[in-house]
Amino acid sequence: MTVQLMYLVAAICFILALKGLSSPKYARYGNFIGAFGMLVAVVTAYVHGVVHNGLWILLAVALGVVVGIPAARSVKMTAIPQMVALFNGVGGAAAALVALAEFFAVPDPGFLFGLATVLTVLIGSVSFSGSVVTFLKLQELMTTRPVLLPAGQQLAIAAGVSSIALCALVMSSGSGLLLWLLAVVGLALGALFVLPVGGADVPIAISLLNAFTGLAVAASGYVLANTLLIVAGTLVGASGTILTRLMAQAMGRSLANILFGAFKTATVATQGEETRSVKSGTVEDVAILLGYANNVVVVPGYGLAVAQAQHAVRELVSQLEHRGVAVSYGIHPVAGRMPGHMNVLLAEADVPYEQLKELDDVNPGITSVDVAVVVGANDVVNPGARDEPSSPIYGMPIFDVDRAKSVVFMKRSMRPGFAGVDNELLYNPKTTLLFGDAKDSLTKLLAAVKQL
C-alpha cells in the first residue's frame, strides 16, 4: 500500500512537471518537480524491494551520476538537442533490454505479457537506432541532408513487414532467438526511418522518437507489472505526440510529408547564385540605421546560440530602448534546433517574456517596422517558403521580414541554413548584410550606437 501511495505521489509530480514546463514562467519549477518525482520513484522502488540485485542497482545509479552530471553541465546550449536525442535513445534501449531480460526470466508468459514484450523490444529498438542517427545528424558527424539509399523505401517497408511477422512468430512460438532477431530488425528499421529525414525536419523526428520511447516504457511497465512506468511512459508518449503535431503545424506541412517526403529535390546554391551581388554594410552603417529607427524587430536563430550572443543582443536592445526605439523579438516556433530554443537563450539574458512575439503578432504589422534585424536565423525568414512552390520548405510559416522597410542580416558567411536552401532575402535590395560572429558584431554595434 505504501509503495503504491509513493508511486501515486511520483505520478502527480510528473503531471505537475509537464504543466510547469508548458510555461516559461514556471518551467524551472516544473523541471525540479519532475526530478523530485523521479527521485521518489527510484528510492521507493529500491527501499521497498520492488527491484532485486540491489548492489548492481546502486552501482548503476552511481555510474549514472558520475557520467551524467558532468556531461549535462558541460553541454553547450547549442548541443542540447543532441543530448536530448541521446537520452531518448538510451531510454528506448533500456526498455528493450528490460523486456528481453524479463522474457527469458518468465517461464510461461501469457498473451498480454508476450504482446507487451515484443512491442517494447520493437519500439525501443527503433527509438534507439533512430535517436542515434538524429544525434549524428545534429552533431554534423554525418550529413544533415536527407540520405536516400538505393531502394531505401522498399528496404524500410520490408523491415516494417518483417517486424510485424516476427512479433507474431515470437508470440506464437516463444522463441528467444526470434526475439533477438526482432530487436536487430527494429534497429535497422529505426535507422531506415530517420535517414531520409533531413534539415529542419530532424528535430521533429526527435520529438516523434521521444513519443516512441514513451510507448516502449509504458509497455515495459506492463511487462514488469509496474504501474508507475505505465503512467510515466504514457505521459511521455502523449506529450511527445502532441509536440510532434505542433512542430509539424509550425512547419506548415503534414507529418507524413516530413517523414516520408524527404527533400527529393533539395535546393542548393549554384555557381551562378554564388556570384550574385549582395549589399554588405559596416558596423557604423547599421548603427545609424538602428539608432534612428522608430520600430525594430529582432529575429534570432541558431547562429545566436552558436555565438552565445544572447547577452550582447539584450544589451544592444536596451541601448536602443534608451534612445526611444520600440524593440521586440520575433520568435519562430522552430527557430534553433528545438522548440523553445530561442526562448531559453533569451531568458538566460533576462529578456522580458512580454517582448517575445510570435508570428501572428509580428507579421500583421511588419510593413511598419523600420528595421528587421536577423541574427543567425535563416530558413525561418526565407521568402521561398512563402513564394516558391518548388522550394523544399514551401508552406512553412515564416517571418515576412522582406516586407519591412529595411533588413539587417547578420551572418558568418553566405552558406544556406539548416535546410540547405538558398535564401533570396540575402539578395533583396532592402537587405544589408553584416558579416561576422554574432556576438562580436553585436558588441561592436552596441559601442557604435552609444557614440551616436
Protein backbone atom coordinates (compact mmCIF):
# COMPACT_ATOMS: atom_id res chain seq x y z
CA MET A 1 0.00 0.00 0.00
CA THR A 2 2.82 2.38 0.90
CA VAL A 3 4.62 1.61 -2.36
CA GLN A 4 1.55 2.40 -4.44
CA LEU A 5 0.96 5.60 -2.49
CA MET A 6 4.53 6.77 -3.16
CA TYR A 7 4.13 5.86 -6.82
CA LEU A 8 0.99 7.98 -6.87
CA VAL A 9 2.97 10.92 -5.46
CA ALA A 10 5.61 10.42 -8.15
CA ALA A 11 2.96 10.27 -10.89
CA ILE A 12 1.38 13.51 -9.64
CA CYS A 13 4.83 15.12 -9.70
CA PHE A 14 5.29 14.07 -13.33
CA ILE A 15 1.95 15.58 -14.30
CA LEU A 16 2.71 18.83 -12.47
CA ALA A 17 6.13 18.89 -14.12
CA LEU A 18 4.56 18.78 -17.57
CA LYS A 19 2.17 21.56 -16.58
CA GLY A 20 5.06 23.69 -15.35
CA LEU A 21 7.15 23.05 -18.45
CA SER A 22 4.33 24.38 -20.62
CA SER A 23 5.01 27.91 -19.33
CA PRO A 24 8.35 29.77 -19.45
CA LYS A 25 7.48 31.36 -16.13
CA TYR A 26 7.20 28.04 -14.31
CA ALA A 27 9.46 25.83 -16.45
CA ARG A 28 12.30 25.76 -13.91
CA TYR A 29 9.91 24.73 -11.12
CA GLY A 30 8.39 22.09 -13.37
CA ASN A 31 11.83 20.64 -14.00
CA PHE A 32 12.58 20.44 -10.28
CA ILE A 33 9.20 18.85 -9.54
CA GLY A 34 9.78 16.22 -12.23
CA ALA A 35 13.25 15.44 -10.86
CA PHE A 36 11.82 15.11 -7.36
CA GLY A 37 9.14 12.74 -8.63
CA MET A 38 11.78 10.57 -10.29
CA LEU A 39 13.80 10.54 -7.05
CA VAL A 40 10.72 9.39 -5.13
CA ALA A 41 10.11 6.63 -7.67
CA VAL A 42 13.69 5.32 -7.65
CA VAL A 43 14.08 5.41 -3.87
CA THR A 44 10.68 3.78 -3.34
CA ALA A 45 11.45 1.00 -5.80
CA TYR A 46 14.79 0.28 -4.15
CA VAL A 47 13.88 0.61 -0.47
CA HIS A 48 10.69 -1.44 -0.67
CA GLY A 49 12.30 -4.25 -2.62
CA VAL A 50 10.34 -3.85 -5.83
CA VAL A 51 13.64 -4.36 -7.65
CA HIS A 52 16.24 -7.04 -6.98
CA ASN A 53 20.03 -7.14 -7.21
CA GLY A 54 20.37 -4.05 -5.04
CA LEU A 55 24.16 -3.81 -5.33
CA TRP A 56 24.00 -3.72 -9.11
CA ILE A 57 21.30 -1.06 -8.94
CA LEU A 58 23.43 1.11 -6.66
CA LEU A 59 26.42 0.71 -8.95
CA ALA A 60 24.29 1.69 -11.95
CA VAL A 61 22.94 4.76 -10.15
CA ALA A 62 26.46 5.77 -9.11
CA LEU A 63 27.70 5.36 -12.67
CA GLY A 64 24.81 7.43 -13.97
CA VAL A 65 25.58 10.22 -11.51
CA VAL A 66 29.31 10.19 -12.26
CA VAL A 67 28.77 10.28 -16.02
CA GLY A 68 25.50 12.18 -16.30
CA ILE A 69 26.07 15.25 -14.14
CA PRO A 70 29.43 16.34 -15.64
CA ALA A 71 28.13 15.56 -19.14
CA ALA A 72 24.99 17.65 -18.64
CA ARG A 73 26.93 20.57 -17.17
CA SER A 74 29.49 20.57 -19.97
CA VAL A 75 26.94 20.52 -22.79
CA LYS A 76 26.52 23.87 -24.51
CA MET A 77 23.07 25.26 -25.17
CA THR A 78 23.57 24.64 -28.90
CA ALA A 79 24.09 20.93 -28.20
CA ILE A 80 21.01 20.40 -26.02
CA PRO A 81 19.02 18.80 -28.89
CA GLN A 82 21.80 16.26 -29.42
CA MET A 83 21.80 15.46 -25.71
CA VAL A 84 18.02 15.04 -25.79
CA ALA A 85 18.38 12.65 -28.73
CA LEU A 86 20.95 10.55 -26.84
CA PHE A 87 18.89 10.49 -23.64
CA ASN A 88 15.87 9.47 -25.65
CA GLY A 89 17.80 6.68 -27.36
CA VAL A 90 19.15 5.37 -24.07
CA GLY A 91 15.60 5.25 -22.69
CA GLY A 92 14.40 3.20 -25.64
CA ALA A 93 17.36 0.83 -25.40
CA ALA A 94 16.82 0.37 -21.65
CA ALA A 95 13.15 -0.53 -22.16
CA ALA A 96 14.05 -3.05 -24.88
CA LEU A 97 16.77 -4.70 -22.78
CA VAL A 98 14.48 -4.96 -19.75
CA ALA A 99 11.81 -6.63 -21.89
CA LEU A 100 14.37 -9.07 -23.28
CA ALA A 101 15.57 -9.98 -19.80
CA GLU A 102 12.03 -10.48 -18.50
CA PHE A 103 11.11 -12.64 -21.48
CA PHE A 104 13.85 -15.14 -20.62
CA ALA A 105 13.09 -14.92 -16.89
CA VAL A 106 9.39 -15.77 -17.13
CA PRO A 107 8.86 -19.48 -17.91
CA ASP A 108 5.29 -19.34 -19.20
CA PRO A 109 4.32 -15.83 -20.36
CA GLY A 110 0.72 -15.15 -21.20
CA PHE A 111 -0.64 -13.50 -24.34
CA LEU A 112 -0.69 -9.94 -22.99
CA PHE A 113 2.76 -10.35 -21.48
CA GLY A 114 4.10 -11.61 -24.80
CA LEU A 115 2.42 -8.76 -26.71
CA ALA A 116 3.83 -6.14 -24.33
CA THR A 117 7.27 -7.73 -24.60
CA VAL A 118 7.50 -7.77 -28.40
CA LEU A 119 6.14 -4.22 -28.63
CA THR A 120 8.67 -2.99 -26.07
CA VAL A 121 11.57 -4.66 -27.87
CA LEU A 122 10.48 -3.41 -31.28
CA ILE A 123 9.62 0.17 -30.33
CA GLY A 124 12.62 0.51 -28.01
CA SER A 125 14.99 -0.71 -30.74
CA VAL A 126 13.50 1.66 -33.32
CA SER A 127 13.77 4.56 -30.88
CA PHE A 128 17.39 3.76 -30.02
CA SER A 129 18.80 3.49 -33.54
CA GLY A 130 16.67 6.37 -34.83
CA SER A 131 17.84 8.60 -31.98
CA VAL A 132 21.47 7.73 -32.67
CA VAL A 133 21.05 8.76 -36.32
CA THR A 134 19.40 12.05 -35.33
CA PHE A 135 22.27 12.69 -32.91
CA LEU A 136 24.80 12.11 -35.69
CA LYS A 137 22.90 14.48 -37.98
CA LEU A 138 22.55 17.27 -35.40
CA GLN A 139 26.18 16.90 -34.33
CA GLU A 140 27.11 17.03 -38.04
CA LEU A 141 29.03 13.77 -37.74
CA MET A 142 27.13 12.84 -40.88
CA THR A 143 25.33 14.91 -43.47
CA THR A 144 22.30 16.82 -42.21
CA ARG A 145 20.63 16.38 -45.59
CA PRO A 146 18.23 13.52 -46.31
CA VAL A 147 20.06 10.26 -47.02
CA LEU A 148 18.24 8.39 -49.76
CA LEU A 149 19.59 4.85 -50.01
CA PRO A 150 19.11 2.80 -53.19
CA ALA A 151 15.75 1.07 -52.75
CA GLY A 152 15.62 2.66 -49.30
CA GLN A 153 11.84 2.93 -49.29
CA GLN A 154 11.49 -0.74 -50.22
CA LEU A 155 14.00 -1.71 -47.52
CA ALA A 156 12.04 0.26 -44.90
CA ILE A 157 8.77 -1.40 -45.96
CA ALA A 158 10.43 -4.81 -45.86
CA ALA A 159 11.81 -4.11 -42.38
CA GLY A 160 8.39 -2.99 -41.18
CA VAL A 161 6.61 -6.06 -42.55
CA SER A 162 9.34 -8.33 -41.15
CA SER A 163 8.92 -6.73 -37.73
CA ILE A 164 5.20 -7.44 -37.68
CA ALA A 165 5.78 -11.01 -38.79
CA LEU A 166 8.47 -11.57 -36.17
CA CYS A 167 6.19 -10.19 -33.45
CA ALA A 168 3.56 -12.77 -34.38
CA LEU A 169 6.11 -15.58 -34.56
CA VAL A 170 7.63 -14.74 -31.17
CA MET A 171 4.21 -14.68 -29.53
CA SER A 172 3.19 -18.00 -31.07
CA SER A 173 6.47 -19.88 -30.61
CA GLY A 174 8.04 -18.19 -27.58
CA SER A 175 11.40 -18.28 -29.37
CA GLY A 176 14.10 -16.21 -27.70
CA LEU A 177 16.21 -16.30 -30.86
CA LEU A 178 13.41 -14.74 -32.89
CA LEU A 179 13.02 -12.06 -30.21
CA TRP A 180 16.70 -11.14 -30.61
CA LEU A 181 16.18 -11.07 -34.37
CA LEU A 182 13.22 -8.75 -33.84
CA ALA A 183 15.50 -6.38 -31.91
CA VAL A 184 18.01 -6.38 -34.79
CA VAL A 185 15.30 -5.73 -37.38
CA GLY A 186 13.97 -2.94 -35.14
CA LEU A 187 17.41 -1.32 -35.09
CA ALA A 188 17.54 -1.42 -38.88
CA LEU A 189 14.00 -0.04 -39.14
CA GLY A 190 14.85 2.89 -36.86
CA ALA A 191 17.85 3.86 -38.98
CA LEU A 192 15.92 3.49 -42.25
CA PHE A 193 13.09 5.53 -40.74
CA VAL A 194 15.28 8.54 -39.89
CA LEU A 195 17.89 8.59 -42.65
CA PRO A 196 15.53 10.20 -45.24
CA VAL A 197 14.70 12.99 -42.78
CA GLY A 198 16.96 16.00 -43.09
CA GLY A 199 17.44 19.67 -42.47
CA ALA A 200 14.98 21.43 -40.21
CA ASP A 201 12.83 18.28 -40.00
CA VAL A 202 15.34 16.42 -37.78
CA PRO A 203 14.02 17.97 -34.51
CA ILE A 204 10.54 16.76 -35.46
CA ALA A 205 11.92 13.24 -35.85
CA ILE A 206 13.45 13.54 -32.36
CA SER A 207 10.09 14.52 -30.92
CA LEU A 208 8.37 11.57 -32.60
CA LEU A 209 11.07 9.17 -31.39
CA ASN A 210 10.56 10.56 -27.91
CA ALA A 211 6.91 9.56 -28.17
CA PHE A 212 8.04 6.10 -29.30
CA THR A 213 10.27 5.79 -26.25
CA GLY A 214 7.33 6.71 -24.02
CA LEU A 215 5.26 3.93 -25.56
CA ALA A 216 8.12 1.47 -25.08
CA VAL A 217 8.43 2.45 -21.41
CA ALA A 218 4.67 2.12 -20.90
CA ALA A 219 4.73 -1.36 -22.44
CA SER A 220 7.71 -2.32 -20.27
CA GLY A 221 5.67 -1.21 -17.27
CA TYR A 222 3.16 -3.92 -18.11
CA VAL A 223 5.99 -6.42 -18.52
CA LEU A 224 7.32 -5.53 -15.06
CA ALA A 225 3.86 -5.08 -13.53
CA ASN A 226 4.88 -1.55 -12.56
CA THR A 227 2.04 0.96 -12.62
CA LEU A 228 4.29 3.99 -12.41
CA LEU A 229 6.20 3.00 -15.56
CA ILE A 230 2.89 2.71 -17.39
CA VAL A 231 1.83 6.17 -16.23
CA ALA A 232 5.21 7.80 -16.93
CA GLY A 233 5.54 6.17 -20.33
CA THR A 234 2.03 7.19 -21.30
CA LEU A 235 2.73 10.80 -20.29
CA VAL A 236 5.92 10.87 -22.35
CA GLY A 237 4.22 9.24 -25.32
CA ALA A 238 1.25 11.61 -25.23
CA SER A 239 3.31 14.78 -24.75
CA GLY A 240 5.77 13.71 -27.47
CA THR A 241 2.92 13.10 -29.88
CA ILE A 242 1.35 16.48 -29.15
CA LEU A 243 4.71 18.23 -29.55
CA THR A 244 5.34 16.44 -32.84
CA ARG A 245 1.98 17.56 -34.16
CA LEU A 246 2.55 21.18 -33.08
CA MET A 247 6.01 21.24 -34.69
CA ALA A 248 4.63 19.84 -37.93
CA GLN A 249 1.97 22.54 -37.92
CA ALA A 250 4.66 25.17 -37.31
CA MET A 251 6.47 23.86 -40.40
CA GLY A 252 3.24 24.13 -42.36
CA ARG A 253 3.49 20.52 -43.56
CA SER A 254 1.93 17.19 -42.74
CA LEU A 255 3.81 14.70 -40.58
CA ALA A 256 3.69 12.16 -43.43
CA ASN A 257 5.34 14.65 -45.77
CA ILE A 258 8.06 15.42 -43.23
CA LEU A 259 8.88 11.79 -42.52
CA PHE A 260 8.43 10.21 -45.94
CA GLY A 261 8.56 13.04 -48.46
CA ALA A 262 12.24 13.82 -47.86
CA PHE A 263 13.88 16.62 -49.81
CA LYS A 264 13.96 14.84 -53.16
CA THR A 265 14.98 17.98 -54.98
CA ALA A 266 16.93 19.89 -52.38
CA THR A 267 17.74 23.42 -53.47
CA VAL A 268 21.38 24.34 -53.20
CA ALA A 269 23.27 27.41 -54.19
CA THR A 270 24.71 27.13 -57.70
CA GLN A 271 27.81 28.79 -59.03
CA GLY A 272 25.65 31.41 -60.70
CA GLU A 273 23.90 32.18 -57.43
CA GLU A 274 27.19 32.46 -55.57
CA THR A 275 28.26 35.33 -57.86
CA ARG A 276 25.07 37.33 -57.39
CA SER A 277 25.64 40.69 -55.81
CA VAL A 278 24.68 41.44 -52.23
CA LYS A 279 24.79 44.63 -50.22
CA SER A 280 27.10 44.47 -47.22
CA GLY A 281 27.46 47.20 -44.66
CA THR A 282 29.75 48.30 -41.87
CA VAL A 283 29.02 48.38 -38.17
CA GLU A 284 28.71 52.16 -38.37
CA ASP A 285 26.16 51.94 -41.20
CA VAL A 286 23.98 49.51 -39.26
CA ALA A 287 24.34 51.50 -36.03
CA ILE A 288 22.95 54.62 -37.75
CA LEU A 289 20.12 52.58 -39.26
CA LEU A 290 19.16 51.19 -35.84
CA GLY A 291 19.84 54.26 -33.75
CA TYR A 292 17.47 56.47 -35.70
CA ALA A 293 14.70 53.93 -36.25
CA ASN A 294 11.34 54.05 -34.50
CA ASN A 295 10.40 50.38 -34.60
CA VAL A 296 12.80 47.40 -34.69
CA VAL A 297 12.16 43.66 -34.68
CA VAL A 298 14.96 41.23 -33.83
CA VAL A 299 14.62 37.70 -35.26
CA PRO A 300 17.13 35.37 -33.54
CA GLY A 301 18.15 31.92 -34.76
CA TYR A 302 20.67 29.15 -34.32
CA GLY A 303 23.59 31.47 -35.10
CA LEU A 304 22.75 33.45 -31.97
CA ALA A 305 23.01 30.27 -29.94
CA VAL A 306 26.30 29.22 -31.56
CA ALA A 307 27.87 32.60 -30.80
CA GLN A 308 26.36 32.73 -27.28
CA ALA A 309 25.27 36.25 -28.17
CA GLN A 310 22.06 36.43 -26.14
CA HIS A 311 23.54 38.86 -23.60
CA ALA A 312 25.03 41.02 -26.34
CA VAL A 313 21.72 41.35 -28.16
CA ARG A 314 19.95 42.15 -24.88
CA GLU A 315 22.42 44.96 -24.18
CA LEU A 316 22.03 46.38 -27.69
CA VAL A 317 18.24 46.30 -27.39
CA SER A 318 18.43 48.05 -24.00
CA GLN A 319 20.56 50.80 -25.54
CA LEU A 320 18.10 51.23 -28.41
CA GLU A 321 15.20 51.41 -25.96
CA HIS A 322 17.12 54.06 -24.04
CA ARG A 323 17.11 56.07 -27.27
CA GLY A 324 13.33 55.67 -27.56
CA VAL A 325 13.29 52.87 -30.13
CA ALA A 326 10.50 50.30 -29.75
CA VAL A 327 12.08 46.84 -29.97
CA SER A 328 10.58 43.36 -29.88
CA TYR A 329 11.86 39.86 -30.61
CA GLY A 330 10.27 37.64 -33.25
CA ILE A 331 10.41 34.03 -32.03
CA HIS A 332 9.67 31.33 -34.59
CA PRO A 333 8.32 28.03 -33.18
CA VAL A 334 11.14 26.01 -34.80
CA ALA A 335 13.97 28.55 -34.65
CA GLY A 336 17.17 26.92 -33.49
CA ARG A 337 17.19 23.15 -33.18
CA MET A 338 14.28 22.51 -30.82
CA PRO A 339 11.03 24.26 -29.83
CA GLY A 340 11.71 26.92 -27.22
CA HIS A 341 15.42 27.08 -28.04
CA MET A 342 15.37 30.87 -28.51
CA ASN A 343 13.07 31.38 -25.53
CA VAL A 344 15.55 29.65 -23.23
CA LEU A 345 18.53 31.57 -24.62
CA LEU A 346 16.87 34.96 -24.23
CA ALA A 347 15.56 34.04 -20.78
CA GLU A 348 19.19 33.49 -19.74
CA ALA A 349 19.82 37.11 -20.69
CA ASP A 350 16.80 38.31 -18.66
CA VAL A 351 14.84 39.39 -21.72
CA PRO A 352 11.27 40.13 -20.57
CA TYR A 353 8.93 37.44 -21.82
CA GLU A 354 6.47 40.12 -22.91
CA GLN A 355 8.95 41.23 -25.59
CA LEU A 356 8.94 37.81 -27.26
CA LYS A 357 6.44 37.91 -30.11
CA GLU A 358 5.15 35.07 -32.27
CA LEU A 359 4.45 35.03 -36.00
CA ASP A 360 0.86 36.19 -35.66
CA ASP A 361 1.98 39.13 -33.53
CA VAL A 362 4.74 40.34 -35.85
CA ASN A 363 3.63 39.71 -39.44
CA PRO A 364 0.43 41.81 -39.49
CA GLY A 365 2.40 44.95 -38.68
CA ILE A 366 5.68 44.09 -40.39
CA THR A 367 5.30 46.78 -43.07
CA SER A 368 5.52 49.47 -40.38
CA VAL A 369 8.78 48.04 -38.97
CA ASP A 370 11.73 50.31 -39.81
CA VAL A 371 14.42 47.66 -39.37
CA ALA A 372 14.17 43.89 -39.09
CA VAL A 373 17.39 42.51 -37.61
CA VAL A 374 18.01 38.84 -38.42
CA VAL A 375 20.61 37.39 -36.03
CA GLY A 376 21.71 33.90 -37.02
CA ALA A 377 18.31 32.85 -38.41
CA ASN A 378 17.87 31.72 -41.99
CA ASP A 379 15.13 29.28 -43.01
CA VAL A 380 12.52 30.98 -40.80
CA VAL A 381 12.89 34.22 -42.79
CA ASN A 382 13.32 32.66 -46.23
CA PRO A 383 10.72 34.12 -48.65
CA GLY A 384 10.96 30.93 -50.70
CA ALA A 385 8.89 29.16 -48.05
CA ARG A 386 6.09 31.59 -48.90
CA ASP A 387 6.55 32.28 -52.62
CA GLU A 388 8.28 29.29 -54.26
CA PRO A 389 6.16 26.12 -54.57
CA SER A 390 9.26 24.24 -55.75
CA SER A 391 11.17 25.07 -52.57
CA PRO A 392 11.71 22.16 -50.15
CA ILE A 393 10.48 24.36 -47.30
CA TYR A 394 7.47 25.72 -49.16
CA GLY A 395 4.50 26.11 -46.85
CA MET A 396 6.49 26.69 -43.68
CA PRO A 397 5.23 29.85 -41.95
CA ILE A 398 7.95 32.50 -41.84
CA PHE A 399 8.55 36.00 -40.56
CA ASP A 400 7.85 38.28 -43.53
CA VAL A 401 10.90 40.42 -42.78
CA ASP A 402 11.36 41.12 -46.51
CA ARG A 403 8.27 43.33 -46.19
CA ALA A 404 9.85 45.53 -43.52
CA LYS A 405 11.24 48.89 -44.61
CA SER A 406 14.80 47.60 -44.29
CA VAL A 407 16.56 44.41 -43.19
CA VAL A 408 19.87 43.83 -41.42
CA PHE A 409 21.03 40.23 -41.90
CA MET A 410 23.84 39.17 -39.56
CA LYS A 411 25.66 36.07 -40.84
CA ARG A 412 29.04 34.42 -40.69
CA SER A 413 29.01 33.58 -44.39
CA MET A 414 26.75 33.05 -47.39
CA ARG A 415 26.16 29.41 -46.50
CA PRO A 416 22.50 28.31 -46.55
CA GLY A 417 20.58 27.43 -43.41
CA PHE A 418 20.00 24.03 -41.80
CA ALA A 419 17.58 23.00 -44.57
CA GLY A 420 20.30 23.58 -47.17
CA VAL A 421 18.13 26.02 -49.15
CA ASP A 422 19.40 29.26 -50.66
CA ASN A 423 17.75 32.37 -49.18
CA GLU A 424 16.51 35.04 -51.59
CA LEU A 425 16.36 37.53 -48.73
CA LEU A 426 20.14 37.84 -48.93
CA TYR A 427 19.85 39.35 -52.41
CA ASN A 428 16.95 41.68 -51.64
CA PRO A 429 17.89 45.35 -52.25
CA LYS A 430 16.45 46.18 -48.81
CA THR A 431 18.87 43.80 -47.09
CA THR A 432 22.17 44.92 -45.61
CA LEU A 433 24.50 42.06 -44.73
CA LEU A 434 26.74 42.35 -41.70
CA PHE A 435 29.24 39.50 -41.82
CA GLY A 436 30.99 38.12 -38.75
CA ASP A 437 30.45 36.35 -35.46
CA ALA A 438 27.10 37.43 -33.99
CA LYS A 439 28.47 38.22 -30.54
CA ASP A 440 31.38 40.23 -31.90
CA SER A 441 29.15 42.14 -34.33
CA LEU A 442 26.55 42.92 -31.68
CA THR A 443 29.21 44.12 -29.25
CA LYS A 444 30.64 46.46 -31.89
CA LEU A 445 27.14 47.65 -32.76
CA LEU A 446 26.48 48.47 -29.12
CA ALA A 447 29.61 50.60 -28.94
CA ALA A 448 28.74 52.34 -32.19
CA VAL A 449 25.15 53.11 -31.12
CA LYS A 450 26.41 54.59 -27.85
CA GLN A 451 28.54 57.05 -29.85
CA LEU A 452 25.61 58.37 -31.90
